[in-house]
């Protein structure tokens, strides 16, 4: 069984992005450079930790995933396939604090704010902790009902089907296919 060890960000300037996330996340810090690490960097032609091609951000307490920020030559051209959802006791104040660190607001939703870090990596600040929020595409909210059934379209009628359950739906011009139907509120 696999266990989460590290979360890795590709970036153009690892030290700057690492400092942003160390300041953004409670209980995290940029890993300190000891003499052995500085000697290793110098042996690889890196004389300043600011130019380190891989910067580690670790939890101060030792528990939780580590974040690695690694130098890559290519630019970010599309939206993240994975993003972080953050929460705070005072979301509005937290959003202002993150903006002061260099984050930018991309979109506002009823229960979250979509933001980007200093290099354009998307993340969300969730405003409401009540209700169930399932992870979904950045900027969209998908609510999964907590009840045992959801309405599912079947032909021209609606029916109630236990959640989740493969349902056979008629497809115009094709044979019926069995699919896993889920209803999301976007």
N, C-alpha and C. Protein backbone atom coordinates (compact mmCIF):
# COMPACT_ATOMS: atom_id res chain seq x y z
N UNK A 1 0.85 -1.17 0.00
CA UNK A 1 0.00 0.00 0.00
C UNK A 1 0.89 1.23 0.00
N UNK A 2 0.64 2.17 -0.88
CA UNK A 2 1.43 3.39 -0.99
C UNK A 2 1.05 4.39 0.09
N UNK A 3 2.00 5.23 0.47
CA UNK A 3 1.79 6.30 1.44
C UNK A 3 2.31 7.60 0.83
N UNK A 4 1.62 8.69 1.09
CA UNK A 4 2.05 9.99 0.58
C UNK A 4 3.31 10.42 1.32
N UNK A 5 4.36 10.72 0.56
CA UNK A 5 5.61 11.17 1.14
C UNK A 5 5.84 12.64 0.83
N UNK A 6 5.84 13.00 -0.46
CA UNK A 6 6.15 14.35 -0.89
C UNK A 6 5.13 14.83 -1.91
N UNK A 7 4.94 16.13 -1.96
CA UNK A 7 4.18 16.78 -3.01
C UNK A 7 5.19 17.64 -3.75
N UNK A 8 5.29 17.46 -5.06
CA UNK A 8 6.35 18.09 -5.85
C UNK A 8 5.75 19.12 -6.80
N UNK A 9 6.29 20.33 -6.80
CA UNK A 9 5.89 21.40 -7.70
C UNK A 9 7.02 21.63 -8.71
N UNK A 10 6.69 21.68 -9.99
CA UNK A 10 7.64 22.10 -11.01
C UNK A 10 7.58 23.61 -11.07
N UNK A 11 8.73 24.28 -11.15
CA UNK A 11 8.72 25.74 -11.17
C UNK A 11 9.99 26.30 -11.81
N UNK A 12 9.96 27.61 -12.10
CA UNK A 12 11.11 28.30 -12.68
C UNK A 12 12.07 28.81 -11.62
N UNK A 13 11.55 29.17 -10.45
CA UNK A 13 12.40 29.67 -9.37
C UNK A 13 11.98 28.99 -8.07
N UNK A 14 12.54 27.78 -7.82
CA UNK A 14 12.12 26.99 -6.65
C UNK A 14 12.20 27.72 -5.31
N UNK A 15 13.24 28.53 -5.10
CA UNK A 15 13.39 29.18 -3.80
C UNK A 15 12.23 30.14 -3.54
N UNK A 16 11.80 30.90 -4.54
CA UNK A 16 10.71 31.87 -4.36
C UNK A 16 9.39 31.16 -4.10
N UNK A 17 9.11 30.10 -4.85
CA UNK A 17 7.85 29.38 -4.67
C UNK A 17 7.86 28.65 -3.32
N UNK A 18 9.02 28.11 -2.92
CA UNK A 18 9.13 27.43 -1.63
C UNK A 18 8.88 28.41 -0.49
N UNK A 19 9.43 29.61 -0.57
CA UNK A 19 9.20 30.62 0.48
C UNK A 19 7.72 30.97 0.57
N UNK A 20 7.05 31.10 -0.60
CA UNK A 20 5.62 31.41 -0.59
C UNK A 20 4.85 30.33 0.16
N UNK A 21 5.06 29.06 -0.19
CA UNK A 21 4.28 27.98 0.43
C UNK A 21 4.67 27.76 1.89
N UNK A 22 5.92 27.98 2.26
CA UNK A 22 6.32 27.87 3.67
C UNK A 22 5.59 28.93 4.49
N UNK A 23 5.42 30.12 3.93
CA UNK A 23 4.70 31.19 4.64
C UNK A 23 3.20 30.97 4.58
N UNK A 24 2.70 30.37 3.50
CA UNK A 24 1.25 30.18 3.34
C UNK A 24 0.70 29.10 4.26
N UNK A 25 1.47 28.03 4.49
CA UNK A 25 0.99 26.88 5.26
C UNK A 25 1.41 26.97 6.72
N UNK A 26 0.47 26.78 7.60
CA UNK A 26 0.74 26.80 9.03
C UNK A 26 1.61 25.60 9.41
N UNK A 27 2.69 25.86 10.13
CA UNK A 27 3.54 24.79 10.62
C UNK A 27 4.54 24.25 9.60
N UNK A 28 4.85 25.02 8.55
CA UNK A 28 5.83 24.60 7.55
C UNK A 28 6.95 25.62 7.47
N UNK A 29 8.12 25.14 7.05
CA UNK A 29 9.29 26.01 6.91
C UNK A 29 10.17 25.48 5.79
N UNK A 30 10.95 26.39 5.20
CA UNK A 30 11.96 25.95 4.23
C UNK A 30 13.02 25.21 5.03
N UNK A 31 13.38 24.02 4.56
CA UNK A 31 14.39 23.22 5.27
C UNK A 31 15.69 24.00 5.35
N UNK A 32 16.31 24.07 6.53
CA UNK A 32 17.56 24.83 6.66
C UNK A 32 18.71 24.16 5.90
N UNK A 33 19.64 24.97 5.45
CA UNK A 33 20.83 24.48 4.75
C UNK A 33 21.95 24.30 5.76
N UNK A 34 22.43 23.06 5.91
CA UNK A 34 23.59 22.83 6.77
C UNK A 34 24.85 22.85 5.88
N UNK A 35 26.01 22.77 6.48
CA UNK A 35 27.28 22.83 5.73
C UNK A 35 27.39 21.70 4.71
N UNK A 36 26.90 20.52 5.06
CA UNK A 36 26.96 19.37 4.14
C UNK A 36 26.13 19.65 2.88
N UNK A 37 24.93 20.23 3.05
CA UNK A 37 24.07 20.54 1.91
C UNK A 37 24.67 21.66 1.07
N UNK A 38 25.23 22.69 1.72
CA UNK A 38 25.88 23.76 0.99
C UNK A 38 27.07 23.25 0.19
N UNK A 39 27.85 22.32 0.76
CA UNK A 39 29.00 21.73 0.05
C UNK A 39 28.50 20.92 -1.16
N UNK A 40 27.39 20.18 -0.98
CA UNK A 40 26.83 19.40 -2.09
C UNK A 40 26.40 20.33 -3.22
N UNK A 41 25.75 21.45 -2.86
CA UNK A 41 25.34 22.42 -3.88
C UNK A 41 26.54 23.01 -4.62
N UNK A 42 27.59 23.40 -3.86
CA UNK A 42 28.80 23.97 -4.49
C UNK A 42 29.44 22.97 -5.43
N UNK A 43 29.45 21.69 -5.04
CA UNK A 43 30.03 20.64 -5.90
C UNK A 43 29.24 20.50 -7.21
N UNK A 44 27.98 20.89 -7.18
CA UNK A 44 27.14 20.85 -8.38
C UNK A 44 27.07 22.21 -9.09
N UNK A 45 27.94 23.15 -8.70
CA UNK A 45 28.01 24.44 -9.38
C UNK A 45 27.00 25.46 -8.90
N UNK A 46 26.36 25.21 -7.75
CA UNK A 46 25.39 26.15 -7.19
C UNK A 46 26.02 26.80 -5.97
N UNK A 47 26.33 28.12 -6.09
CA UNK A 47 27.01 28.80 -4.99
C UNK A 47 26.08 29.55 -4.06
N UNK A 48 24.84 29.72 -4.45
CA UNK A 48 23.88 30.47 -3.64
C UNK A 48 22.62 29.62 -3.45
N UNK A 49 22.16 29.40 -2.21
CA UNK A 49 20.93 28.61 -2.00
C UNK A 49 19.73 29.18 -2.76
N UNK A 50 19.75 30.47 -3.09
CA UNK A 50 18.68 31.09 -3.86
C UNK A 50 18.57 30.45 -5.26
N UNK A 51 19.66 29.84 -5.74
CA UNK A 51 19.68 29.19 -7.05
C UNK A 51 19.55 27.67 -6.96
N UNK A 52 19.25 27.16 -5.77
CA UNK A 52 19.09 25.72 -5.56
C UNK A 52 18.00 25.18 -6.50
N UNK A 53 18.30 24.15 -7.29
CA UNK A 53 17.29 23.61 -8.22
C UNK A 53 16.21 22.76 -7.54
N UNK A 54 16.40 22.37 -6.29
CA UNK A 54 15.38 21.62 -5.55
C UNK A 54 15.35 22.14 -4.11
N UNK A 55 14.25 22.77 -3.75
CA UNK A 55 14.12 23.34 -2.41
C UNK A 55 13.03 22.57 -1.67
N UNK A 56 13.33 22.20 -0.44
CA UNK A 56 12.42 21.42 0.39
C UNK A 56 11.71 22.32 1.40
N UNK A 57 10.38 22.14 1.51
CA UNK A 57 9.59 22.77 2.57
C UNK A 57 9.03 21.61 3.39
N UNK A 58 9.29 21.65 4.69
CA UNK A 58 8.91 20.53 5.54
C UNK A 58 8.09 21.01 6.73
N UNK A 59 7.28 20.09 7.30
CA UNK A 59 6.50 20.46 8.48
C UNK A 59 7.42 20.64 9.68
N UNK A 60 7.17 21.68 10.46
CA UNK A 60 7.99 21.96 11.65
C UNK A 60 7.87 20.84 12.67
N UNK A 61 6.69 20.23 12.75
CA UNK A 61 6.45 19.19 13.74
C UNK A 61 6.95 17.82 13.29
N UNK A 62 7.30 17.69 12.02
CA UNK A 62 7.74 16.39 11.51
C UNK A 62 6.60 15.54 10.98
N UNK A 63 5.35 15.93 11.21
CA UNK A 63 4.24 15.14 10.68
C UNK A 63 3.56 15.91 9.56
N UNK A 64 3.22 15.22 8.52
CA UNK A 64 2.60 15.83 7.35
C UNK A 64 3.50 15.65 6.14
N UNK A 65 2.95 15.87 4.97
CA UNK A 65 3.76 15.69 3.76
C UNK A 65 4.79 16.80 3.62
N UNK A 66 5.87 16.48 2.93
CA UNK A 66 6.88 17.48 2.58
C UNK A 66 6.54 18.02 1.19
N UNK A 67 7.00 19.23 0.91
CA UNK A 67 6.80 19.84 -0.40
C UNK A 67 8.17 20.07 -1.02
N UNK A 68 8.38 19.55 -2.23
CA UNK A 68 9.60 19.79 -2.98
C UNK A 68 9.28 20.72 -4.13
N UNK A 69 10.14 21.69 -4.35
CA UNK A 69 10.00 22.62 -5.45
C UNK A 69 11.22 22.42 -6.33
N UNK A 70 10.98 21.96 -7.56
CA UNK A 70 12.09 21.60 -8.43
C UNK A 70 12.09 22.44 -9.70
N UNK A 71 13.30 22.78 -10.14
CA UNK A 71 13.50 23.58 -11.33
C UNK A 71 13.18 22.76 -12.57
N UNK A 72 12.37 23.33 -13.46
CA UNK A 72 12.09 22.71 -14.76
C UNK A 72 12.24 23.79 -15.83
N UNK A 73 12.67 23.43 -17.03
CA UNK A 73 12.88 24.43 -18.06
C UNK A 73 11.60 24.92 -18.74
N UNK A 74 10.59 24.08 -18.80
CA UNK A 74 9.38 24.46 -19.53
C UNK A 74 8.45 25.31 -18.68
N UNK A 75 7.64 26.13 -19.36
CA UNK A 75 6.68 26.99 -18.69
C UNK A 75 5.38 26.24 -18.43
N UNK A 76 4.62 26.74 -17.47
CA UNK A 76 3.28 26.22 -17.21
C UNK A 76 2.38 26.76 -18.31
N UNK A 77 1.69 25.87 -19.03
CA UNK A 77 0.87 26.32 -20.15
C UNK A 77 -0.61 26.03 -19.98
N UNK A 78 -0.96 25.14 -19.08
CA UNK A 78 -2.37 24.82 -18.84
C UNK A 78 -2.63 24.81 -17.35
N UNK A 79 -3.88 24.67 -17.01
CA UNK A 79 -4.29 24.63 -15.62
C UNK A 79 -3.76 23.38 -14.93
N UNK A 80 -3.55 23.49 -13.61
CA UNK A 80 -3.05 22.35 -12.84
C UNK A 80 -3.98 21.15 -12.97
N UNK A 81 -3.42 19.96 -12.98
CA UNK A 81 -4.22 18.74 -12.91
C UNK A 81 -4.47 18.36 -11.45
N UNK A 82 -3.65 18.87 -10.55
CA UNK A 82 -3.79 18.64 -9.11
C UNK A 82 -3.64 20.00 -8.45
N UNK A 83 -4.44 20.24 -7.42
CA UNK A 83 -4.28 21.50 -6.68
C UNK A 83 -4.54 21.26 -5.21
N UNK A 84 -4.15 22.23 -4.39
CA UNK A 84 -4.35 22.14 -2.95
C UNK A 84 -5.58 22.94 -2.55
N UNK A 85 -6.35 22.42 -1.61
CA UNK A 85 -7.46 23.14 -0.99
C UNK A 85 -7.01 23.51 0.41
N UNK A 86 -7.03 24.81 0.71
CA UNK A 86 -6.64 25.30 2.04
C UNK A 86 -7.89 25.73 2.78
N UNK A 87 -7.82 25.70 4.10
CA UNK A 87 -8.91 26.18 4.94
C UNK A 87 -8.31 26.98 6.08
N UNK A 88 -9.09 27.91 6.61
CA UNK A 88 -8.63 28.75 7.72
C UNK A 88 -9.84 29.16 8.55
N UNK A 89 -9.60 29.48 9.81
CA UNK A 89 -10.69 29.91 10.69
C UNK A 89 -11.30 31.20 10.18
N UNK A 90 -10.49 32.11 9.65
CA UNK A 90 -10.97 33.36 9.07
C UNK A 90 -10.58 33.43 7.61
N UNK A 91 -11.38 32.83 6.72
CA UNK A 91 -10.98 32.75 5.31
C UNK A 91 -10.71 34.11 4.65
N UNK A 92 -11.50 35.14 4.95
CA UNK A 92 -11.30 36.44 4.31
C UNK A 92 -9.93 37.02 4.71
N UNK A 93 -9.59 36.93 5.98
CA UNK A 93 -8.29 37.41 6.44
C UNK A 93 -7.17 36.58 5.83
N UNK A 94 -7.39 35.28 5.70
CA UNK A 94 -6.37 34.40 5.12
C UNK A 94 -6.14 34.75 3.64
N UNK A 95 -7.20 35.03 2.92
CA UNK A 95 -7.07 35.41 1.51
C UNK A 95 -6.27 36.70 1.39
N UNK A 96 -6.54 37.68 2.27
CA UNK A 96 -5.77 38.93 2.26
C UNK A 96 -4.29 38.65 2.57
N UNK A 97 -4.03 37.77 3.54
CA UNK A 97 -2.65 37.43 3.91
C UNK A 97 -1.93 36.78 2.74
N UNK A 98 -2.61 35.83 2.06
CA UNK A 98 -1.99 35.15 0.91
C UNK A 98 -1.72 36.12 -0.23
N UNK A 99 -2.62 37.07 -0.44
CA UNK A 99 -2.40 38.10 -1.47
C UNK A 99 -1.17 38.94 -1.13
N UNK A 100 -0.98 39.25 0.16
CA UNK A 100 0.19 40.01 0.59
C UNK A 100 1.48 39.22 0.35
N UNK A 101 1.39 37.89 0.35
CA UNK A 101 2.56 37.04 0.07
C UNK A 101 2.84 36.91 -1.42
N UNK A 102 1.91 37.37 -2.26
CA UNK A 102 2.12 37.29 -3.71
C UNK A 102 1.08 36.49 -4.46
N UNK A 103 0.11 35.91 -3.77
CA UNK A 103 -0.95 35.15 -4.44
C UNK A 103 -1.90 36.11 -5.13
N UNK A 104 -2.62 35.58 -6.13
CA UNK A 104 -3.61 36.38 -6.85
C UNK A 104 -4.94 35.64 -6.84
N UNK A 105 -6.03 36.39 -6.74
CA UNK A 105 -7.37 35.80 -6.79
C UNK A 105 -7.75 35.61 -8.25
N UNK A 106 -8.20 34.41 -8.60
CA UNK A 106 -8.62 34.10 -9.96
C UNK A 106 -10.14 34.09 -10.10
N UNK A 107 -10.83 33.55 -9.08
CA UNK A 107 -12.29 33.45 -9.15
C UNK A 107 -12.85 33.33 -7.75
N UNK A 108 -14.07 33.82 -7.58
CA UNK A 108 -14.80 33.71 -6.32
C UNK A 108 -15.99 32.80 -6.56
N UNK A 109 -16.21 31.85 -5.67
CA UNK A 109 -17.37 30.97 -5.71
C UNK A 109 -18.09 31.11 -4.38
N UNK A 110 -19.27 30.50 -4.26
CA UNK A 110 -20.03 30.58 -3.01
C UNK A 110 -19.23 30.08 -1.82
N UNK A 111 -18.52 28.97 -1.98
CA UNK A 111 -17.85 28.36 -0.84
C UNK A 111 -16.34 28.31 -0.96
N UNK A 112 -15.75 28.93 -1.99
CA UNK A 112 -14.30 28.91 -2.11
C UNK A 112 -13.81 30.06 -2.97
N UNK A 113 -12.53 30.35 -2.84
CA UNK A 113 -11.85 31.33 -3.67
C UNK A 113 -10.73 30.61 -4.39
N UNK A 114 -10.69 30.73 -5.70
CA UNK A 114 -9.63 30.14 -6.51
C UNK A 114 -8.51 31.17 -6.59
N UNK A 115 -7.29 30.74 -6.26
CA UNK A 115 -6.14 31.64 -6.24
C UNK A 115 -4.98 31.00 -6.99
N UNK A 116 -3.95 31.81 -7.25
CA UNK A 116 -2.71 31.28 -7.82
C UNK A 116 -1.55 31.75 -6.95
N UNK A 117 -0.50 30.92 -6.89
CA UNK A 117 0.69 31.29 -6.13
C UNK A 117 1.58 32.20 -6.99
N UNK A 118 2.80 32.43 -6.56
CA UNK A 118 3.69 33.38 -7.23
C UNK A 118 4.09 32.95 -8.64
N UNK A 119 3.91 31.69 -9.01
CA UNK A 119 4.21 31.23 -10.37
C UNK A 119 2.98 30.77 -11.12
N UNK A 120 1.79 31.06 -10.60
CA UNK A 120 0.57 30.74 -11.33
C UNK A 120 -0.03 29.38 -11.06
N UNK A 121 0.47 28.65 -10.05
CA UNK A 121 -0.12 27.36 -9.68
C UNK A 121 -1.42 27.61 -8.93
N UNK A 122 -2.51 26.97 -9.39
CA UNK A 122 -3.81 27.19 -8.78
C UNK A 122 -3.95 26.46 -7.44
N UNK A 123 -4.69 27.09 -6.54
CA UNK A 123 -5.10 26.46 -5.29
C UNK A 123 -6.38 27.14 -4.85
N UNK A 124 -7.07 26.55 -3.89
CA UNK A 124 -8.34 27.11 -3.42
C UNK A 124 -8.29 27.36 -1.92
N UNK A 125 -8.99 28.41 -1.50
CA UNK A 125 -9.23 28.65 -0.08
C UNK A 125 -10.72 28.40 0.12
N UNK A 126 -11.03 27.37 0.89
CA UNK A 126 -12.42 26.97 1.13
C UNK A 126 -12.98 27.85 2.24
N UNK A 127 -14.11 28.51 1.96
CA UNK A 127 -14.69 29.45 2.92
C UNK A 127 -15.64 28.79 3.90
N UNK A 128 -16.40 27.83 3.47
CA UNK A 128 -17.38 27.19 4.35
C UNK A 128 -16.93 25.79 4.68
N UNK A 129 -16.94 25.45 5.95
CA UNK A 129 -16.58 24.09 6.33
C UNK A 129 -17.81 23.22 6.50
N UNK A 130 -19.02 23.83 6.50
CA UNK A 130 -20.23 23.04 6.63
C UNK A 130 -20.59 22.44 5.28
N UNK A 131 -21.23 21.31 5.29
CA UNK A 131 -21.61 20.65 4.05
C UNK A 131 -20.44 19.85 3.51
N UNK A 132 -20.72 19.07 2.51
CA UNK A 132 -19.70 18.21 1.92
C UNK A 132 -19.20 18.86 0.65
N UNK A 133 -17.89 19.07 0.55
CA UNK A 133 -17.31 19.57 -0.69
C UNK A 133 -16.37 18.50 -1.18
N UNK A 134 -16.65 17.99 -2.34
CA UNK A 134 -15.79 16.99 -2.94
C UNK A 134 -14.76 17.69 -3.80
N UNK A 135 -13.50 17.21 -3.81
CA UNK A 135 -12.50 17.82 -4.67
C UNK A 135 -12.97 17.77 -6.11
N UNK A 136 -12.71 18.80 -6.83
CA UNK A 136 -13.13 18.84 -8.21
C UNK A 136 -12.27 19.78 -9.01
N UNK A 137 -12.65 20.05 -10.23
CA UNK A 137 -11.86 20.95 -11.05
C UNK A 137 -11.75 22.31 -10.38
N UNK A 138 -10.59 22.94 -10.53
CA UNK A 138 -10.38 24.25 -9.93
C UNK A 138 -11.46 25.19 -10.43
N UNK A 139 -12.06 25.91 -9.49
CA UNK A 139 -13.04 26.89 -9.86
C UNK A 139 -14.45 26.34 -9.99
N UNK A 140 -14.64 25.07 -9.79
CA UNK A 140 -15.97 24.49 -9.84
C UNK A 140 -16.26 23.86 -8.48
N UNK A 141 -17.51 23.84 -8.13
CA UNK A 141 -17.92 23.22 -6.89
C UNK A 141 -18.83 22.06 -7.23
N UNK A 142 -18.47 20.90 -6.75
CA UNK A 142 -19.33 19.74 -6.96
C UNK A 142 -19.81 19.29 -5.59
N UNK A 143 -21.11 19.29 -5.39
CA UNK A 143 -21.66 18.82 -4.12
C UNK A 143 -22.22 17.43 -4.33
N UNK A 144 -21.78 16.52 -3.50
CA UNK A 144 -22.27 15.15 -3.57
C UNK A 144 -23.31 14.98 -2.48
N UNK A 145 -24.53 14.58 -2.81
CA UNK A 145 -25.56 14.45 -1.79
C UNK A 145 -25.15 13.44 -0.72
N UNK A 146 -25.53 13.74 0.52
CA UNK A 146 -25.22 12.81 1.59
C UNK A 146 -26.30 11.75 1.75
N UNK A 147 -27.46 11.97 1.13
CA UNK A 147 -28.53 10.98 1.20
C UNK A 147 -28.14 9.77 0.36
N UNK A 148 -28.92 8.70 0.48
CA UNK A 148 -28.59 7.45 -0.20
C UNK A 148 -28.98 7.41 -1.66
N UNK A 149 -29.58 8.47 -2.18
CA UNK A 149 -29.97 8.42 -3.59
C UNK A 149 -29.90 9.80 -4.22
N UNK A 150 -29.76 9.81 -5.52
CA UNK A 150 -29.74 11.05 -6.30
C UNK A 150 -30.62 10.87 -7.52
N UNK A 151 -31.20 11.95 -8.03
CA UNK A 151 -31.97 11.82 -9.26
C UNK A 151 -31.03 11.54 -10.44
N UNK A 152 -31.41 10.61 -11.28
CA UNK A 152 -30.60 10.23 -12.43
C UNK A 152 -31.48 10.28 -13.68
N UNK A 153 -31.02 10.97 -14.75
CA UNK A 153 -31.84 11.01 -15.94
C UNK A 153 -31.88 9.64 -16.60
N UNK A 154 -33.04 9.18 -16.98
CA UNK A 154 -33.17 7.92 -17.70
C UNK A 154 -34.20 8.15 -18.79
N UNK A 155 -33.73 8.22 -20.01
CA UNK A 155 -34.62 8.54 -21.11
C UNK A 155 -35.20 9.93 -20.89
N UNK A 156 -36.51 10.07 -20.96
CA UNK A 156 -37.13 11.38 -20.75
C UNK A 156 -37.69 11.51 -19.34
N UNK A 157 -37.50 10.49 -18.47
CA UNK A 157 -38.04 10.53 -17.10
C UNK A 157 -36.89 10.56 -16.09
N UNK A 158 -37.21 11.04 -14.90
CA UNK A 158 -36.24 11.03 -13.81
C UNK A 158 -36.58 9.89 -12.86
N UNK A 159 -35.56 9.25 -12.33
CA UNK A 159 -35.78 8.19 -11.36
C UNK A 159 -34.81 8.38 -10.21
N UNK A 160 -35.01 7.71 -9.11
CA UNK A 160 -34.10 7.79 -7.97
C UNK A 160 -33.31 6.51 -7.91
N UNK A 161 -31.99 6.64 -7.84
CA UNK A 161 -31.09 5.50 -7.89
C UNK A 161 -30.12 5.60 -6.72
N UNK A 162 -29.85 4.51 -6.00
CA UNK A 162 -28.87 4.57 -4.91
C UNK A 162 -27.53 5.10 -5.41
N UNK A 163 -26.87 5.87 -4.58
CA UNK A 163 -25.60 6.51 -4.94
C UNK A 163 -24.43 5.68 -4.53
N UNK A 164 -23.29 5.61 -5.23
CA UNK A 164 -23.24 5.63 -6.68
C UNK A 164 -23.61 4.26 -7.21
N UNK A 165 -24.06 4.18 -8.39
CA UNK A 165 -24.47 2.91 -8.95
C UNK A 165 -24.39 2.97 -10.47
N UNK A 166 -23.80 1.95 -11.10
CA UNK A 166 -23.81 1.93 -12.55
C UNK A 166 -25.26 1.82 -13.05
N UNK A 167 -25.60 2.63 -14.02
CA UNK A 167 -26.96 2.68 -14.56
C UNK A 167 -26.87 2.52 -16.06
N UNK A 168 -27.78 1.74 -16.64
CA UNK A 168 -27.82 1.61 -18.08
C UNK A 168 -28.73 2.68 -18.64
N UNK A 169 -28.18 3.53 -19.49
CA UNK A 169 -28.93 4.60 -20.11
C UNK A 169 -29.01 4.37 -21.61
N UNK A 170 -30.15 4.66 -22.24
CA UNK A 170 -30.25 4.52 -23.68
C UNK A 170 -29.50 5.66 -24.37
N UNK A 171 -28.69 5.33 -25.36
CA UNK A 171 -27.96 6.32 -26.14
C UNK A 171 -28.52 6.32 -27.55
N UNK A 172 -28.97 7.45 -28.02
CA UNK A 172 -29.58 7.57 -29.33
C UNK A 172 -28.59 7.13 -30.42
N UNK A 173 -28.99 6.17 -31.24
CA UNK A 173 -28.15 5.72 -32.34
C UNK A 173 -27.13 4.66 -31.95
N UNK A 174 -27.03 4.34 -30.67
CA UNK A 174 -26.06 3.35 -30.22
C UNK A 174 -26.77 2.32 -29.35
N UNK A 175 -26.08 1.24 -29.07
CA UNK A 175 -26.60 0.27 -28.11
C UNK A 175 -26.53 0.89 -26.72
N UNK A 176 -27.34 0.41 -25.80
CA UNK A 176 -27.28 0.90 -24.43
C UNK A 176 -25.92 0.61 -23.84
N UNK A 177 -25.42 1.54 -23.04
CA UNK A 177 -24.12 1.36 -22.39
C UNK A 177 -24.30 1.56 -20.89
N UNK A 178 -23.54 0.81 -20.10
CA UNK A 178 -23.61 0.96 -18.66
C UNK A 178 -22.55 1.98 -18.24
N UNK A 179 -22.97 3.00 -17.50
CA UNK A 179 -22.05 4.02 -17.04
C UNK A 179 -22.29 4.28 -15.57
N UNK A 180 -21.30 4.87 -14.91
CA UNK A 180 -21.43 5.25 -13.51
C UNK A 180 -21.94 6.69 -13.51
N UNK A 181 -23.18 6.90 -13.10
CA UNK A 181 -23.82 8.20 -13.17
C UNK A 181 -23.66 8.91 -11.83
N UNK A 182 -23.22 10.15 -11.88
CA UNK A 182 -23.11 10.98 -10.68
C UNK A 182 -23.66 12.34 -11.03
N UNK A 183 -24.44 12.91 -10.15
CA UNK A 183 -25.01 14.23 -10.38
C UNK A 183 -24.24 15.24 -9.57
N UNK A 184 -23.76 16.26 -10.23
CA UNK A 184 -23.00 17.30 -9.57
C UNK A 184 -23.71 18.63 -9.78
N UNK A 185 -23.65 19.49 -8.78
CA UNK A 185 -24.14 20.85 -8.92
C UNK A 185 -22.94 21.71 -9.23
N UNK A 186 -22.93 22.29 -10.41
CA UNK A 186 -21.77 23.13 -10.80
C UNK A 186 -22.11 24.59 -10.65
